[in-house]
Structures are given as structure tokens and as C-alpha cells.
Amino acid sequence: MFGATSNVSTTGVLFTTSEALTGPIQHTITLEGSVRLRCIGNVLRTEHHAHAALGSFQVAATLEHYEFVRAEQHKAAPTV
């Protein structure tokens, strides 16, 4: 699953994706270049956006643990 990050802070992330999400989540945020941030947190809310593309959901999640990952260490996780 792929998504687009709207906002990220030291405690949480807001992103848009095609699926509604709930509960614990593990995801990867790709920063400038090939820098990746593997994150673990909990979904706080999921909202369907009727005005956006069909099947578009905005998800707010906590960032409870994160680590920088080199490209060769990157394991399959949803990219946000």
C-alpha cells in the first residue's frame, strides 16, 4: 500500500492512503534522497474524504518508535 505524507512531527504523522486503517501500524516514510524512517505507532483516526479521489482516507497516527533505515535494510512495510 502506498500513501502520501501530509504532516510529520516528533509525535505523529498525518497521511492519505487508499485504505481505512485502525489499530497498531508499522510504516515507512521516505525522506529526501534514499533516507527512510521506519515507524511504529497507533492509528488515532481515519477519515474518508468524499471530495478527494474515490477511496481516499486521511489517517492520523502516533509515532511511538522510529529508526532510520538504509536502503539495503529496508523490509517490506507500507510506504507513506
Protein backbone atom coordinates (compact mmCIF):
# COMPACT_ATOMS: atom_id res chain seq x y z
CA MET A 1 0.00 0.00 0.00
CA PHE A 2 1.24 3.48 -0.79
CA GLY A 3 0.29 6.86 0.59
CA ALA A 4 1.30 10.49 0.74
CA THR A 5 2.51 12.14 3.92
CA SER A 6 0.82 15.45 4.70
CA ASN A 7 2.48 16.28 8.02
CA VAL A 8 5.03 14.66 10.32
CA SER A 9 6.24 15.67 13.79
CA THR A 10 8.17 14.05 16.62
CA THR A 11 4.97 12.50 18.00
CA GLY A 12 2.81 11.72 14.98
CA VAL A 13 2.14 11.59 11.27
CA LEU A 14 -0.79 12.52 9.03
CA PHE A 15 -1.06 10.83 5.66
CA THR A 16 -3.50 9.96 2.88
CA THR A 17 -3.94 6.42 1.61
CA SER A 18 -6.45 4.32 -0.32
CA GLU A 19 -7.39 2.10 2.66
CA ALA A 20 -9.00 2.83 6.03
CA LEU A 21 -6.59 1.82 8.81
CA THR A 22 -7.09 1.05 12.50
CA GLY A 23 -5.03 -0.18 15.47
CA PRO A 24 -1.25 -0.64 15.56
CA ILE A 25 0.62 0.30 12.41
CA GLN A 26 4.12 -0.10 11.01
CA HIS A 27 5.01 2.11 8.08
CA THR A 28 7.98 3.64 6.32
CA ILE A 29 8.37 7.31 5.43
CA THR A 30 10.79 8.07 2.61
CA LEU A 31 12.60 11.36 3.17
CA GLU A 32 14.85 13.30 0.79
CA GLY A 33 17.00 11.04 -1.32
CA SER A 34 17.06 7.44 -0.12
CA VAL A 35 16.64 8.17 3.60
CA ARG A 36 13.88 6.04 5.11
CA LEU A 37 12.27 6.22 8.51
CA ARG A 38 10.67 3.01 9.78
CA CYS A 39 7.88 3.91 12.22
CA ILE A 40 5.66 2.06 14.69
CA GLY A 41 2.59 3.67 16.22
CA ASN A 42 -1.17 3.54 16.62
CA VAL A 43 -3.86 4.93 14.37
CA LEU A 44 -5.71 7.71 16.19
CA ARG A 45 -8.31 8.37 13.50
CA THR A 46 -9.19 7.60 9.90
CA GLU A 47 -11.41 9.94 7.90
CA HIS A 48 -12.91 9.33 4.46
CA HIS A 49 -12.62 12.36 2.20
CA ALA A 50 -15.63 12.49 -0.10
CA HIS A 51 -14.22 15.45 -2.07
CA ALA A 52 -10.95 13.62 -2.78
CA ALA A 53 -10.34 10.71 -5.12
CA LEU A 54 -12.56 7.67 -4.66
CA GLY A 55 -11.29 5.56 -1.77
CA SER A 56 -9.15 8.30 -0.27
CA PHE A 57 -8.64 8.22 3.51
CA GLN A 58 -6.73 10.59 5.75
CA VAL A 59 -5.02 8.78 8.64
CA ALA A 60 -3.54 10.28 11.82
CA ALA A 61 -1.16 8.01 13.73
CA THR A 62 1.23 8.29 16.66
CA LEU A 63 4.98 7.82 16.29
CA GLU A 64 5.88 5.66 19.29
CA HIS A 65 9.12 4.26 17.88
CA TYR A 66 11.12 5.07 14.79
CA GLU A 67 14.51 4.29 13.31
CA PHE A 68 16.47 5.38 10.27
CA VAL A 69 16.94 2.55 7.79
CA ARG A 70 19.46 2.22 4.99
CA ALA A 71 18.06 1.21 1.63
CA GLU A 72 19.56 -2.30 1.84
CA GLN A 73 17.99 -2.83 5.30
CA HIS A 74 14.51 -1.73 4.22
CA LYS A 75 11.98 -4.50 4.74
CA ALA A 76 8.52 -4.58 3.23
CA ALA A 77 6.28 -2.09 5.02
CA PRO A 78 3.67 0.28 3.68
CA THR A 79 5.35 3.35 2.21
CA VAL A 80 3.86 6.64 3.30
